[in-house]
PDBML (XML) file of the C-alpha atoms, coordinates in Angstrom:
<?xml version="1.0" encoding="UTF-8" ?>
<PDBx:datablock datablockName="MODEL"
   xmlns:PDBx="http://pdbml.pdb.org/schema/pdbx-v50.xsd"
   xmlns:xsi="http://www.w3.org/2001/XMLSchema-instance"
   xsi:schemaLocation="http://pdbml.pdb.org/schema/pdbx-v50.xsd pdbx-v50.xsd">
   <PDBx:atom_siteCategory>
      <PDBx:atom_site id="1">
         <PDBx:B_iso_or_equiv>0.00</PDBx:B_iso_or_equiv>
         <PDBx:Cartn_x>-8.955</PDBx:Cartn_x>
         <PDBx:Cartn_y>-15.281</PDBx:Cartn_y>
         <PDBx:Cartn_z>2.219</PDBx:Cartn_z>
         <PDBx:auth_asym_id>A</PDBx:auth_asym_id>
         <PDBx:auth_atom_id>CA</PDBx:auth_atom_id>
         <PDBx:auth_comp_id>PRO</PDBx:auth_comp_id>
         <PDBx:auth_seq_id>1</PDBx:auth_seq_id>
         <PDBx:group_PDB>ATOM</PDBx:group_PDB>
         <PDBx:label_alt_id xsi:nil="true" />
         <PDBx:label_asym_id>A</PDBx:label_asym_id>
         <PDBx:label_atom_id>CA</PDBx:label_atom_id>
         <PDBx:label_comp_id>PRO</PDBx:label_comp_id>
         <PDBx:label_entity_id>1</PDBx:label_entity_id>
         <PDBx:label_seq_id>1</PDBx:label_seq_id>
         <PDBx:occupancy>1.00</PDBx:occupancy>
         <PDBx:pdbx_PDB_model_num>1</PDBx:pdbx_PDB_model_num>
         <PDBx:type_symbol>C</PDBx:type_symbol>
      </PDBx:atom_site>
      <PDBx:atom_site id="2">
         <PDBx:B_iso_or_equiv>0.00</PDBx:B_iso_or_equiv>
         <PDBx:Cartn_x>-8.944</PDBx:Cartn_x>
         <PDBx:Cartn_y>-11.687</PDBx:Cartn_y>
         <PDBx:Cartn_z>3.571</PDBx:Cartn_z>
         <PDBx:auth_asym_id>A</PDBx:auth_asym_id>
         <PDBx:auth_atom_id>CA</PDBx:auth_atom_id>
         <PDBx:auth_comp_id>GLU</PDBx:auth_comp_id>
         <PDBx:auth_seq_id>2</PDBx:auth_seq_id>
         <PDBx:group_PDB>ATOM</PDBx:group_PDB>
         <PDBx:label_alt_id xsi:nil="true" />
         <PDBx:label_asym_id>A</PDBx:label_asym_id>
         <PDBx:label_atom_id>CA</PDBx:label_atom_id>
         <PDBx:label_comp_id>GLU</PDBx:label_comp_id>
         <PDBx:label_entity_id>1</PDBx:label_entity_id>
         <PDBx:label_seq_id>2</PDBx:label_seq_id>
         <PDBx:occupancy>1.00</PDBx:occupancy>
         <PDBx:pdbx_PDB_model_num>1</PDBx:pdbx_PDB_model_num>
         <PDBx:type_symbol>C</PDBx:type_symbol>
      </PDBx:atom_site>
      <PDBx:atom_site id="3">
         <PDBx:B_iso_or_equiv>0.00</PDBx:B_iso_or_equiv>
         <PDBx:Cartn_x>-5.752</PDBx:Cartn_x>
         <PDBx:Cartn_y>-12.296</PDBx:Cartn_y>
         <PDBx:Cartn_z>5.560</PDBx:Cartn_z>
         <PDBx:auth_asym_id>A</PDBx:auth_asym_id>
         <PDBx:auth_atom_id>CA</PDBx:auth_atom_id>
         <PDBx:auth_comp_id>ASN</PDBx:auth_comp_id>
         <PDBx:auth_seq_id>3</PDBx:auth_seq_id>
         <PDBx:group_PDB>ATOM</PDBx:group_PDB>
         <PDBx:label_alt_id xsi:nil="true" />
         <PDBx:label_asym_id>A</PDBx:label_asym_id>
         <PDBx:label_atom_id>CA</PDBx:label_atom_id>
         <PDBx:label_comp_id>ASN</PDBx:label_comp_id>
         <PDBx:label_entity_id>1</PDBx:label_entity_id>
         <PDBx:label_seq_id>3</PDBx:label_seq_id>
         <PDBx:occupancy>1.00</PDBx:occupancy>
         <PDBx:pdbx_PDB_model_num>1</PDBx:pdbx_PDB_model_num>
         <PDBx:type_symbol>C</PDBx:type_symbol>
      </PDBx:atom_site>
      <PDBx:atom_site id="4">
         <PDBx:B_iso_or_equiv>0.00</PDBx:B_iso_or_equiv>
         <PDBx:Cartn_x>-7.301</PDBx:Cartn_x>
         <PDBx:Cartn_y>-10.946</PDBx:Cartn_y>
         <PDBx:Cartn_z>8.761</PDBx:Cartn_z>
         <PDBx:auth_asym_id>A</PDBx:auth_asym_id>
         <PDBx:auth_atom_id>CA</PDBx:auth_atom_id>
         <PDBx:auth_comp_id>ARG</PDBx:auth_comp_id>
         <PDBx:auth_seq_id>4</PDBx:auth_seq_id>
         <PDBx:group_PDB>ATOM</PDBx:group_PDB>
         <PDBx:label_alt_id xsi:nil="true" />
         <PDBx:label_asym_id>A</PDBx:label_asym_id>
         <PDBx:label_atom_id>CA</PDBx:label_atom_id>
         <PDBx:label_comp_id>ARG</PDBx:label_comp_id>
         <PDBx:label_entity_id>1</PDBx:label_entity_id>
         <PDBx:label_seq_id>4</PDBx:label_seq_id>
         <PDBx:occupancy>1.00</PDBx:occupancy>
         <PDBx:pdbx_PDB_model_num>1</PDBx:pdbx_PDB_model_num>
         <PDBx:type_symbol>C</PDBx:type_symbol>
      </PDBx:atom_site>
      <PDBx:atom_site id="5">
         <PDBx:B_iso_or_equiv>0.00</PDBx:B_iso_or_equiv>
         <PDBx:Cartn_x>-5.132</PDBx:Cartn_x>
         <PDBx:Cartn_y>-13.344</PDBx:Cartn_y>
         <PDBx:Cartn_z>10.768</PDBx:Cartn_z>
         <PDBx:auth_asym_id>A</PDBx:auth_asym_id>
         <PDBx:auth_atom_id>CA</PDBx:auth_atom_id>
         <PDBx:auth_comp_id>LEU</PDBx:auth_comp_id>
         <PDBx:auth_seq_id>5</PDBx:auth_seq_id>
         <PDBx:group_PDB>ATOM</PDBx:group_PDB>
         <PDBx:label_alt_id xsi:nil="true" />
         <PDBx:label_asym_id>A</PDBx:label_asym_id>
         <PDBx:label_atom_id>CA</PDBx:label_atom_id>
         <PDBx:label_comp_id>LEU</PDBx:label_comp_id>
         <PDBx:label_entity_id>1</PDBx:label_entity_id>
         <PDBx:label_seq_id>5</PDBx:label_seq_id>
         <PDBx:occupancy>1.00</PDBx:occupancy>
         <PDBx:pdbx_PDB_model_num>1</PDBx:pdbx_PDB_model_num>
         <PDBx:type_symbol>C</PDBx:type_symbol>
      </PDBx:atom_site>
      <PDBx:atom_site id="6">
         <PDBx:B_iso_or_equiv>0.00</PDBx:B_iso_or_equiv>
         <PDBx:Cartn_x>-1.940</PDBx:Cartn_x>
         <PDBx:Cartn_y>-12.029</PDBx:Cartn_y>
         <PDBx:Cartn_z>9.120</PDBx:Cartn_z>
         <PDBx:auth_asym_id>A</PDBx:auth_asym_id>
         <PDBx:auth_atom_id>CA</PDBx:auth_atom_id>
         <PDBx:auth_comp_id>LEU</PDBx:auth_comp_id>
         <PDBx:auth_seq_id>6</PDBx:auth_seq_id>
         <PDBx:group_PDB>ATOM</PDBx:group_PDB>
         <PDBx:label_alt_id xsi:nil="true" />
         <PDBx:label_asym_id>A</PDBx:label_asym_id>
         <PDBx:label_atom_id>CA</PDBx:label_atom_id>
         <PDBx:label_comp_id>LEU</PDBx:label_comp_id>
         <PDBx:label_entity_id>1</PDBx:label_entity_id>
         <PDBx:label_seq_id>6</PDBx:label_seq_id>
         <PDBx:occupancy>1.00</PDBx:occupancy>
         <PDBx:pdbx_PDB_model_num>1</PDBx:pdbx_PDB_model_num>
         <PDBx:type_symbol>C</PDBx:type_symbol>
      </PDBx:atom_site>
      <PDBx:atom_site id="7">
         <PDBx:B_iso_or_equiv>0.00</PDBx:B_iso_or_equiv>
         <PDBx:Cartn_x>-0.374</PDBx:Cartn_x>
         <PDBx:Cartn_y>-15.236</PDBx:Cartn_y>
         <PDBx:Cartn_z>7.850</PDBx:Cartn_z>
         <PDBx:auth_asym_id>A</PDBx:auth_asym_id>
         <PDBx:auth_atom_id>CA</PDBx:auth_atom_id>
         <PDBx:auth_comp_id>ALA</PDBx:auth_comp_id>
         <PDBx:auth_seq_id>7</PDBx:auth_seq_id>
         <PDBx:group_PDB>ATOM</PDBx:group_PDB>
         <PDBx:label_alt_id xsi:nil="true" />
         <PDBx:label_asym_id>A</PDBx:label_asym_id>
         <PDBx:label_atom_id>CA</PDBx:label_atom_id>
         <PDBx:label_comp_id>ALA</PDBx:label_comp_id>
         <PDBx:label_entity_id>1</PDBx:label_entity_id>
         <PDBx:label_seq_id>7</PDBx:label_seq_id>
         <PDBx:occupancy>1.00</PDBx:occupancy>
         <PDBx:pdbx_PDB_model_num>1</PDBx:pdbx_PDB_model_num>
         <PDBx:type_symbol>C</PDBx:type_symbol>
      </PDBx:atom_site>
      <PDBx:atom_site id="8">
         <PDBx:B_iso_or_equiv>0.00</PDBx:B_iso_or_equiv>
         <PDBx:Cartn_x>1.419</PDBx:Cartn_x>
         <PDBx:Cartn_y>-12.977</PDBx:Cartn_y>
         <PDBx:Cartn_z>5.324</PDBx:Cartn_z>
         <PDBx:auth_asym_id>A</PDBx:auth_asym_id>
         <PDBx:auth_atom_id>CA</PDBx:auth_atom_id>
         <PDBx:auth_comp_id>ARG</PDBx:auth_comp_id>
         <PDBx:auth_seq_id>8</PDBx:auth_seq_id>
         <PDBx:group_PDB>ATOM</PDBx:group_PDB>
         <PDBx:label_alt_id xsi:nil="true" />
         <PDBx:label_asym_id>A</PDBx:label_asym_id>
         <PDBx:label_atom_id>CA</PDBx:label_atom_id>
         <PDBx:label_comp_id>ARG</PDBx:label_comp_id>
         <PDBx:label_entity_id>1</PDBx:label_entity_id>
         <PDBx:label_seq_id>8</PDBx:label_seq_id>
         <PDBx:occupancy>1.00</PDBx:occupancy>
         <PDBx:pdbx_PDB_model_num>1</PDBx:pdbx_PDB_model_num>
         <PDBx:type_symbol>C</PDBx:type_symbol>
      </PDBx:atom_site>
      <PDBx:atom_site id="9">
         <PDBx:B_iso_or_equiv>0.00</PDBx:B_iso_or_equiv>
         <PDBx:Cartn_x>1.987</PDBx:Cartn_x>
         <PDBx:Cartn_y>-9.270</PDBx:Cartn_y>
         <PDBx:Cartn_z>4.781</PDBx:Cartn_z>
         <PDBx:auth_asym_id>A</PDBx:auth_asym_id>
         <PDBx:auth_atom_id>CA</PDBx:auth_atom_id>
         <PDBx:auth_comp_id>MET</PDBx:auth_comp_id>
         <PDBx:auth_seq_id>9</PDBx:auth_seq_id>
         <PDBx:group_PDB>ATOM</PDBx:group_PDB>
         <PDBx:label_alt_id xsi:nil="true" />
         <PDBx:label_asym_id>A</PDBx:label_asym_id>
         <PDBx:label_atom_id>CA</PDBx:label_atom_id>
         <PDBx:label_comp_id>MET</PDBx:label_comp_id>
         <PDBx:label_entity_id>1</PDBx:label_entity_id>
         <PDBx:label_seq_id>9</PDBx:label_seq_id>
         <PDBx:occupancy>1.00</PDBx:occupancy>
         <PDBx:pdbx_PDB_model_num>1</PDBx:pdbx_PDB_model_num>
         <PDBx:type_symbol>C</PDBx:type_symbol>
      </PDBx:atom_site>
      <PDBx:atom_site id="10">
         <PDBx:B_iso_or_equiv>0.00</PDBx:B_iso_or_equiv>
         <PDBx:Cartn_x>-0.673</PDBx:Cartn_x>
         <PDBx:Cartn_y>-7.435</PDBx:Cartn_y>
         <PDBx:Cartn_z>2.818</PDBx:Cartn_z>
         <PDBx:auth_asym_id>A</PDBx:auth_asym_id>
         <PDBx:auth_atom_id>CA</PDBx:auth_atom_id>
         <PDBx:auth_comp_id>ASN</PDBx:auth_comp_id>
         <PDBx:auth_seq_id>10</PDBx:auth_seq_id>
         <PDBx:group_PDB>ATOM</PDBx:group_PDB>
         <PDBx:label_alt_id xsi:nil="true" />
         <PDBx:label_asym_id>A</PDBx:label_asym_id>
         <PDBx:label_atom_id>CA</PDBx:label_atom_id>
         <PDBx:label_comp_id>ASN</PDBx:label_comp_id>
         <PDBx:label_entity_id>1</PDBx:label_entity_id>
         <PDBx:label_seq_id>10</PDBx:label_seq_id>
         <PDBx:occupancy>1.00</PDBx:occupancy>
         <PDBx:pdbx_PDB_model_num>1</PDBx:pdbx_PDB_model_num>
         <PDBx:type_symbol>C</PDBx:type_symbol>
      </PDBx:atom_site>
      <PDBx:atom_site id="11">
         <PDBx:B_iso_or_equiv>0.00</PDBx:B_iso_or_equiv>
         <PDBx:Cartn_x>0.160</PDBx:Cartn_x>
         <PDBx:Cartn_y>-5.975</PDBx:Cartn_y>
         <PDBx:Cartn_z>-0.552</PDBx:Cartn_z>
         <PDBx:auth_asym_id>A</PDBx:auth_asym_id>
         <PDBx:auth_atom_id>CA</PDBx:auth_atom_id>
         <PDBx:auth_comp_id>VAL</PDBx:auth_comp_id>
         <PDBx:auth_seq_id>11</PDBx:auth_seq_id>
         <PDBx:group_PDB>ATOM</PDBx:group_PDB>
         <PDBx:label_alt_id xsi:nil="true" />
         <PDBx:label_asym_id>A</PDBx:label_asym_id>
         <PDBx:label_atom_id>CA</PDBx:label_atom_id>
         <PDBx:label_comp_id>VAL</PDBx:label_comp_id>
         <PDBx:label_entity_id>1</PDBx:label_entity_id>
         <PDBx:label_seq_id>11</PDBx:label_seq_id>
         <PDBx:occupancy>1.00</PDBx:occupancy>
         <PDBx:pdbx_PDB_model_num>1</PDBx:pdbx_PDB_model_num>
         <PDBx:type_symbol>C</PDBx:type_symbol>
      </PDBx:atom_site>
      <PDBx:atom_site id="12">
         <PDBx:B_iso_or_equiv>0.00</PDBx:B_iso_or_equiv>
         <PDBx:Cartn_x>-0.389</PDBx:Cartn_x>
         <PDBx:Cartn_y>-2.232</PDBx:Cartn_y>
         <PDBx:Cartn_z>-0.226</PDBx:Cartn_z>
         <PDBx:auth_asym_id>A</PDBx:auth_asym_id>
         <PDBx:auth_atom_id>CA</PDBx:auth_atom_id>
         <PDBx:auth_comp_id>ARG</PDBx:auth_comp_id>
         <PDBx:auth_seq_id>12</PDBx:auth_seq_id>
         <PDBx:group_PDB>ATOM</PDBx:group_PDB>
         <PDBx:label_alt_id xsi:nil="true" />
         <PDBx:label_asym_id>A</PDBx:label_asym_id>
         <PDBx:label_atom_id>CA</PDBx:label_atom_id>
         <PDBx:label_comp_id>ARG</PDBx:label_comp_id>
         <PDBx:label_entity_id>1</PDBx:label_entity_id>
         <PDBx:label_seq_id>12</PDBx:label_seq_id>
         <PDBx:occupancy>1.00</PDBx:occupancy>
         <PDBx:pdbx_PDB_model_num>1</PDBx:pdbx_PDB_model_num>
         <PDBx:type_symbol>C</PDBx:type_symbol>
      </PDBx:atom_site>
      <PDBx:atom_site id="13">
         <PDBx:B_iso_or_equiv>0.00</PDBx:B_iso_or_equiv>
         <PDBx:Cartn_x>-1.573</PDBx:Cartn_x>
         <PDBx:Cartn_y>0.358</PDBx:Cartn_y>
         <PDBx:Cartn_z>-2.720</PDBx:Cartn_z>
         <PDBx:auth_asym_id>A</PDBx:auth_asym_id>
         <PDBx:auth_atom_id>CA</PDBx:auth_atom_id>
         <PDBx:auth_comp_id>ARG</PDBx:auth_comp_id>
         <PDBx:auth_seq_id>13</PDBx:auth_seq_id>
         <PDBx:group_PDB>ATOM</PDBx:group_PDB>
         <PDBx:label_alt_id xsi:nil="true" />
         <PDBx:label_asym_id>A</PDBx:label_asym_id>
         <PDBx:label_atom_id>CA</PDBx:label_atom_id>
         <PDBx:label_comp_id>ARG</PDBx:label_comp_id>
         <PDBx:label_entity_id>1</PDBx:label_entity_id>
         <PDBx:label_seq_id>13</PDBx:label_seq_id>
         <PDBx:occupancy>1.00</PDBx:occupancy>
         <PDBx:pdbx_PDB_model_num>1</PDBx:pdbx_PDB_model_num>
         <PDBx:type_symbol>C</PDBx:type_symbol>
      </PDBx:atom_site>
      <PDBx:atom_site id="14">
         <PDBx:B_iso_or_equiv>0.00</PDBx:B_iso_or_equiv>
         <PDBx:Cartn_x>0.276</PDBx:Cartn_x>
         <PDBx:Cartn_y>3.662</PDBx:Cartn_y>
         <PDBx:Cartn_z>-2.826</PDBx:Cartn_z>
         <PDBx:auth_asym_id>A</PDBx:auth_asym_id>
         <PDBx:auth_atom_id>CA</PDBx:auth_atom_id>
         <PDBx:auth_comp_id>LEU</PDBx:auth_comp_id>
         <PDBx:auth_seq_id>14</PDBx:auth_seq_id>
         <PDBx:group_PDB>ATOM</PDBx:group_PDB>
         <PDBx:label_alt_id xsi:nil="true" />
         <PDBx:label_asym_id>A</PDBx:label_asym_id>
         <PDBx:label_atom_id>CA</PDBx:label_atom_id>
         <PDBx:label_comp_id>LEU</PDBx:label_comp_id>
         <PDBx:label_entity_id>1</PDBx:label_entity_id>
         <PDBx:label_seq_id>14</PDBx:label_seq_id>
         <PDBx:occupancy>1.00</PDBx:occupancy>
         <PDBx:pdbx_PDB_model_num>1</PDBx:pdbx_PDB_model_num>
         <PDBx:type_symbol>C</PDBx:type_symbol>
      </PDBx:atom_site>
      <PDBx:atom_site id="15">
         <PDBx:B_iso_or_equiv>0.00</PDBx:B_iso_or_equiv>
         <PDBx:Cartn_x>-1.936</PDBx:Cartn_x>
         <PDBx:Cartn_y>6.399</PDBx:Cartn_y>
         <PDBx:Cartn_z>-1.429</PDBx:Cartn_z>
         <PDBx:auth_asym_id>A</PDBx:auth_asym_id>
         <PDBx:auth_atom_id>CA</PDBx:auth_atom_id>
         <PDBx:auth_comp_id>ASP</PDBx:auth_comp_id>
         <PDBx:auth_seq_id>15</PDBx:auth_seq_id>
         <PDBx:group_PDB>ATOM</PDBx:group_PDB>
         <PDBx:label_alt_id xsi:nil="true" />
         <PDBx:label_asym_id>A</PDBx:label_asym_id>
         <PDBx:label_atom_id>CA</PDBx:label_atom_id>
         <PDBx:label_comp_id>ASP</PDBx:label_comp_id>
         <PDBx:label_entity_id>1</PDBx:label_entity_id>
         <PDBx:label_seq_id>15</PDBx:label_seq_id>
         <PDBx:occupancy>1.00</PDBx:occupancy>
         <PDBx:pdbx_PDB_model_num>1</PDBx:pdbx_PDB_model_num>
         <PDBx:type_symbol>C</PDBx:type_symbol>
      </PDBx:atom_site>
      <PDBx:atom_site id="16">
         <PDBx:B_iso_or_equiv>0.00</PDBx:B_iso_or_equiv>
         <PDBx:Cartn_x>-2.591</PDBx:Cartn_x>
         <PDBx:Cartn_y>9.726</PDBx:Cartn_y>
         <PDBx:Cartn_z>-3.157</PDBx:Cartn_z>
         <PDBx:auth_asym_id>A</PDBx:auth_asym_id>
         <PDBx:auth_atom_id>CA</PDBx:auth_atom_id>
         <PDBx:auth_comp_id>ALA</PDBx:auth_comp_id>
         <PDBx:auth_seq_id>16</PDBx:auth_seq_id>
         <PDBx:group_PDB>ATOM</PDBx:group_PDB>
         <PDBx:label_alt_id xsi:nil="true" />
         <PDBx:label_asym_id>A</PDBx:label_asym_id>
         <PDBx:label_atom_id>CA</PDBx:label_atom_id>
         <PDBx:label_comp_id>ALA</PDBx:label_comp_id>
         <PDBx:label_entity_id>1</PDBx:label_entity_id>
         <PDBx:label_seq_id>16</PDBx:label_seq_id>
         <PDBx:occupancy>1.00</PDBx:occupancy>
         <PDBx:pdbx_PDB_model_num>1</PDBx:pdbx_PDB_model_num>
         <PDBx:type_symbol>C</PDBx:type_symbol>
      </PDBx:atom_site>
      <PDBx:atom_site id="17">
         <PDBx:B_iso_or_equiv>0.00</PDBx:B_iso_or_equiv>
         <PDBx:Cartn_x>0.093</PDBx:Cartn_x>
         <PDBx:Cartn_y>11.629</PDBx:Cartn_y>
         <PDBx:Cartn_z>-1.231</PDBx:Cartn_z>
         <PDBx:auth_asym_id>A</PDBx:auth_asym_id>
         <PDBx:auth_atom_id>CA</PDBx:auth_atom_id>
         <PDBx:auth_comp_id>GLU</PDBx:auth_comp_id>
         <PDBx:auth_seq_id>17</PDBx:auth_seq_id>
         <PDBx:group_PDB>ATOM</PDBx:group_PDB>
         <PDBx:label_alt_id xsi:nil="true" />
         <PDBx:label_asym_id>A</PDBx:label_asym_id>
         <PDBx:label_atom_id>CA</PDBx:label_atom_id>
         <PDBx:label_comp_id>GLU</PDBx:label_comp_id>
         <PDBx:label_entity_id>1</PDBx:label_entity_id>
         <PDBx:label_seq_id>17</PDBx:label_seq_id>
         <PDBx:occupancy>1.00</PDBx:occupancy>
         <PDBx:pdbx_PDB_model_num>1</PDBx:pdbx_PDB_model_num>
         <PDBx:type_symbol>C</PDBx:type_symbol>
      </PDBx:atom_site>
      <PDBx:atom_site id="18">
         <PDBx:B_iso_or_equiv>0.00</PDBx:B_iso_or_equiv>
         <PDBx:Cartn_x>2.785</PDBx:Cartn_x>
         <PDBx:Cartn_y>9.090</PDBx:Cartn_y>
         <PDBx:Cartn_z>-2.108</PDBx:Cartn_z>
         <PDBx:auth_asym_id>A</PDBx:auth_asym_id>
         <PDBx:auth_atom_id>CA</PDBx:auth_atom_id>
         <PDBx:auth_comp_id>SER</PDBx:auth_comp_id>
         <PDBx:auth_seq_id>18</PDBx:auth_seq_id>
         <PDBx:group_PDB>ATOM</PDBx:group_PDB>
         <PDBx:label_alt_id xsi:nil="true" />
         <PDBx:label_asym_id>A</PDBx:label_asym_id>
         <PDBx:label_atom_id>CA</PDBx:label_atom_id>
         <PDBx:label_comp_id>SER</PDBx:label_comp_id>
         <PDBx:label_entity_id>1</PDBx:label_entity_id>
         <PDBx:label_seq_id>18</PDBx:label_seq_id>
         <PDBx:occupancy>1.00</PDBx:occupancy>
         <PDBx:pdbx_PDB_model_num>1</PDBx:pdbx_PDB_model_num>
         <PDBx:type_symbol>C</PDBx:type_symbol>
      </PDBx:atom_site>
      <PDBx:atom_site id="19">
         <PDBx:B_iso_or_equiv>0.00</PDBx:B_iso_or_equiv>
         <PDBx:Cartn_x>1.853</PDBx:Cartn_x>
         <PDBx:Cartn_y>9.138</PDBx:Cartn_y>
         <PDBx:Cartn_z>-5.801</PDBx:Cartn_z>
         <PDBx:auth_asym_id>A</PDBx:auth_asym_id>
         <PDBx:auth_atom_id>CA</PDBx:auth_atom_id>
         <PDBx:auth_comp_id>ILE</PDBx:auth_comp_id>
         <PDBx:auth_seq_id>19</PDBx:auth_seq_id>
         <PDBx:group_PDB>ATOM</PDBx:group_PDB>
         <PDBx:label_alt_id xsi:nil="true" />
         <PDBx:label_asym_id>A</PDBx:label_asym_id>
         <PDBx:label_atom_id>CA</PDBx:label_atom_id>
         <PDBx:label_comp_id>ILE</PDBx:label_comp_id>
         <PDBx:label_entity_id>1</PDBx:label_entity_id>
         <PDBx:label_seq_id>19</PDBx:label_seq_id>
         <PDBx:occupancy>1.00</PDBx:occupancy>
         <PDBx:pdbx_PDB_model_num>1</PDBx:pdbx_PDB_model_num>
         <PDBx:type_symbol>C</PDBx:type_symbol>
      </PDBx:atom_site>
      <PDBx:atom_site id="20">
         <PDBx:B_iso_or_equiv>0.00</PDBx:B_iso_or_equiv>
         <PDBx:Cartn_x>1.887</PDBx:Cartn_x>
         <PDBx:Cartn_y>12.944</PDBx:Cartn_y>
         <PDBx:Cartn_z>-5.789</PDBx:Cartn_z>
         <PDBx:auth_asym_id>A</PDBx:auth_asym_id>
         <PDBx:auth_atom_id>CA</PDBx:auth_atom_id>
         <PDBx:auth_comp_id>ARG</PDBx:auth_comp_id>
         <PDBx:auth_seq_id>20</PDBx:auth_seq_id>
         <PDBx:group_PDB>ATOM</PDBx:group_PDB>
         <PDBx:label_alt_id xsi:nil="true" />
         <PDBx:label_asym_id>A</PDBx:label_asym_id>
         <PDBx:label_atom_id>CA</PDBx:label_atom_id>
         <PDBx:label_comp_id>ARG</PDBx:label_comp_id>
         <PDBx:label_entity_id>1</PDBx:label_entity_id>
         <PDBx:label_seq_id>20</PDBx:label_seq_id>
         <PDBx:occupancy>1.00</PDBx:occupancy>
         <PDBx:pdbx_PDB_model_num>1</PDBx:pdbx_PDB_model_num>
         <PDBx:type_symbol>C</PDBx:type_symbol>
      </PDBx:atom_site>
      <PDBx:atom_site id="21">
         <PDBx:B_iso_or_equiv>0.00</PDBx:B_iso_or_equiv>
         <PDBx:Cartn_x>5.285</PDBx:Cartn_x>
         <PDBx:Cartn_y>13.054</PDBx:Cartn_y>
         <PDBx:Cartn_z>-4.063</PDBx:Cartn_z>
         <PDBx:auth_asym_id>A</PDBx:auth_asym_id>
         <PDBx:auth_atom_id>CA</PDBx:auth_atom_id>
         <PDBx:auth_comp_id>ASP</PDBx:auth_comp_id>
         <PDBx:auth_seq_id>21</PDBx:auth_seq_id>
         <PDBx:group_PDB>ATOM</PDBx:group_PDB>
         <PDBx:label_alt_id xsi:nil="true" />
         <PDBx:label_asym_id>A</PDBx:label_asym_id>
         <PDBx:label_atom_id>CA</PDBx:label_atom_id>
         <PDBx:label_comp_id>ASP</PDBx:label_comp_id>
         <PDBx:label_entity_id>1</PDBx:label_entity_id>
         <PDBx:label_seq_id>21</PDBx:label_seq_id>
         <PDBx:occupancy>1.00</PDBx:occupancy>
         <PDBx:pdbx_PDB_model_num>1</PDBx:pdbx_PDB_model_num>
         <PDBx:type_symbol>C</PDBx:type_symbol>
      </PDBx:atom_site>
      <PDBx:atom_site id="22">
         <PDBx:B_iso_or_equiv>0.00</PDBx:B_iso_or_equiv>
         <PDBx:Cartn_x>6.694</PDBx:Cartn_x>
         <PDBx:Cartn_y>10.480</PDBx:Cartn_y>
         <PDBx:Cartn_z>-6.500</PDBx:Cartn_z>
         <PDBx:auth_asym_id>A</PDBx:auth_asym_id>
         <PDBx:auth_atom_id>CA</PDBx:auth_atom_id>
         <PDBx:auth_comp_id>ALA</PDBx:auth_comp_id>
         <PDBx:auth_seq_id>22</PDBx:auth_seq_id>
         <PDBx:group_PDB>ATOM</PDBx:group_PDB>
         <PDBx:label_alt_id xsi:nil="true" />
         <PDBx:label_asym_id>A</PDBx:label_asym_id>
         <PDBx:label_atom_id>CA</PDBx:label_atom_id>
         <PDBx:label_comp_id>ALA</PDBx:label_comp_id>
         <PDBx:label_entity_id>1</PDBx:label_entity_id>
         <PDBx:label_seq_id>22</PDBx:label_seq_id>
         <PDBx:occupancy>1.00</PDBx:occupancy>
         <PDBx:pdbx_PDB_model_num>1</PDBx:pdbx_PDB_model_num>
         <PDBx:type_symbol>C</PDBx:type_symbol>
      </PDBx:atom_site>
      <PDBx:atom_site id="23">
         <PDBx:B_iso_or_equiv>0.00</PDBx:B_iso_or_equiv>
         <PDBx:Cartn_x>5.627</PDBx:Cartn_x>
         <PDBx:Cartn_y>12.636</PDBx:Cartn_y>
         <PDBx:Cartn_z>-9.451</PDBx:Cartn_z>
         <PDBx:auth_asym_id>A</PDBx:auth_asym_id>
         <PDBx:auth_atom_id>CA</PDBx:auth_atom_id>
         <PDBx:auth_comp_id>ILE</PDBx:auth_comp_id>
         <PDBx:auth_seq_id>23</PDBx:auth_seq_id>
         <PDBx:group_PDB>ATOM</PDBx:group_PDB>
         <PDBx:label_alt_id xsi:nil="true" />
         <PDBx:label_asym_id>A</PDBx:label_asym_id>
         <PDBx:label_atom_id>CA</PDBx:label_atom_id>
         <PDBx:label_comp_id>ILE</PDBx:label_comp_id>
         <PDBx:label_entity_id>1</PDBx:label_entity_id>
         <PDBx:label_seq_id>23</PDBx:label_seq_id>
         <PDBx:occupancy>1.00</PDBx:occupancy>
         <PDBx:pdbx_PDB_model_num>1</PDBx:pdbx_PDB_model_num>
         <PDBx:type_symbol>C</PDBx:type_symbol>
      </PDBx:atom_site>
      <PDBx:atom_site id="24">
         <PDBx:B_iso_or_equiv>0.00</PDBx:B_iso_or_equiv>
         <PDBx:Cartn_x>7.146</PDBx:Cartn_x>
         <PDBx:Cartn_y>15.732</PDBx:Cartn_y>
         <PDBx:Cartn_z>-7.881</PDBx:Cartn_z>
         <PDBx:auth_asym_id>A</PDBx:auth_asym_id>
         <PDBx:auth_atom_id>CA</PDBx:auth_atom_id>
         <PDBx:auth_comp_id>LEU</PDBx:auth_comp_id>
         <PDBx:auth_seq_id>24</PDBx:auth_seq_id>
         <PDBx:group_PDB>ATOM</PDBx:group_PDB>
         <PDBx:label_alt_id xsi:nil="true" />
         <PDBx:label_asym_id>A</PDBx:label_asym_id>
         <PDBx:label_atom_id>CA</PDBx:label_atom_id>
         <PDBx:label_comp_id>LEU</PDBx:label_comp_id>
         <PDBx:label_entity_id>1</PDBx:label_entity_id>
         <PDBx:label_seq_id>24</PDBx:label_seq_id>
         <PDBx:occupancy>1.00</PDBx:occupancy>
         <PDBx:pdbx_PDB_model_num>1</PDBx:pdbx_PDB_model_num>
         <PDBx:type_symbol>C</PDBx:type_symbol>
      </PDBx:atom_site>
      <PDBx:atom_site id="25">
         <PDBx:B_iso_or_equiv>0.00</PDBx:B_iso_or_equiv>
         <PDBx:Cartn_x>10.350</PDBx:Cartn_x>
         <PDBx:Cartn_y>13.860</PDBx:Cartn_y>
         <PDBx:Cartn_z>-7.039</PDBx:Cartn_z>
         <PDBx:auth_asym_id>A</PDBx:auth_asym_id>
         <PDBx:auth_atom_id>CA</PDBx:auth_atom_id>
         <PDBx:auth_comp_id>LEU</PDBx:auth_comp_id>
         <PDBx:auth_seq_id>25</PDBx:auth_seq_id>
         <PDBx:group_PDB>ATOM</PDBx:group_PDB>
         <PDBx:label_alt_id xsi:nil="true" />
         <PDBx:label_asym_id>A</PDBx:label_asym_id>
         <PDBx:label_atom_id>CA</PDBx:label_atom_id>
         <PDBx:label_comp_id>LEU</PDBx:label_comp_id>
         <PDBx:label_entity_id>1</PDBx:label_entity_id>
         <PDBx:label_seq_id>25</PDBx:label_seq_id>
         <PDBx:occupancy>1.00</PDBx:occupancy>
         <PDBx:pdbx_PDB_model_num>1</PDBx:pdbx_PDB_model_num>
         <PDBx:type_symbol>C</PDBx:type_symbol>
      </PDBx:atom_site>
   </PDBx:atom_siteCategory>
</PDBx:datablock>
């Protein structure tokens, strides 16, 4: 259930820097 064995790619949250850069962009 936690996908530790990587049968698929994990969905990722944007981190703070990426959100900030997106706003500035």
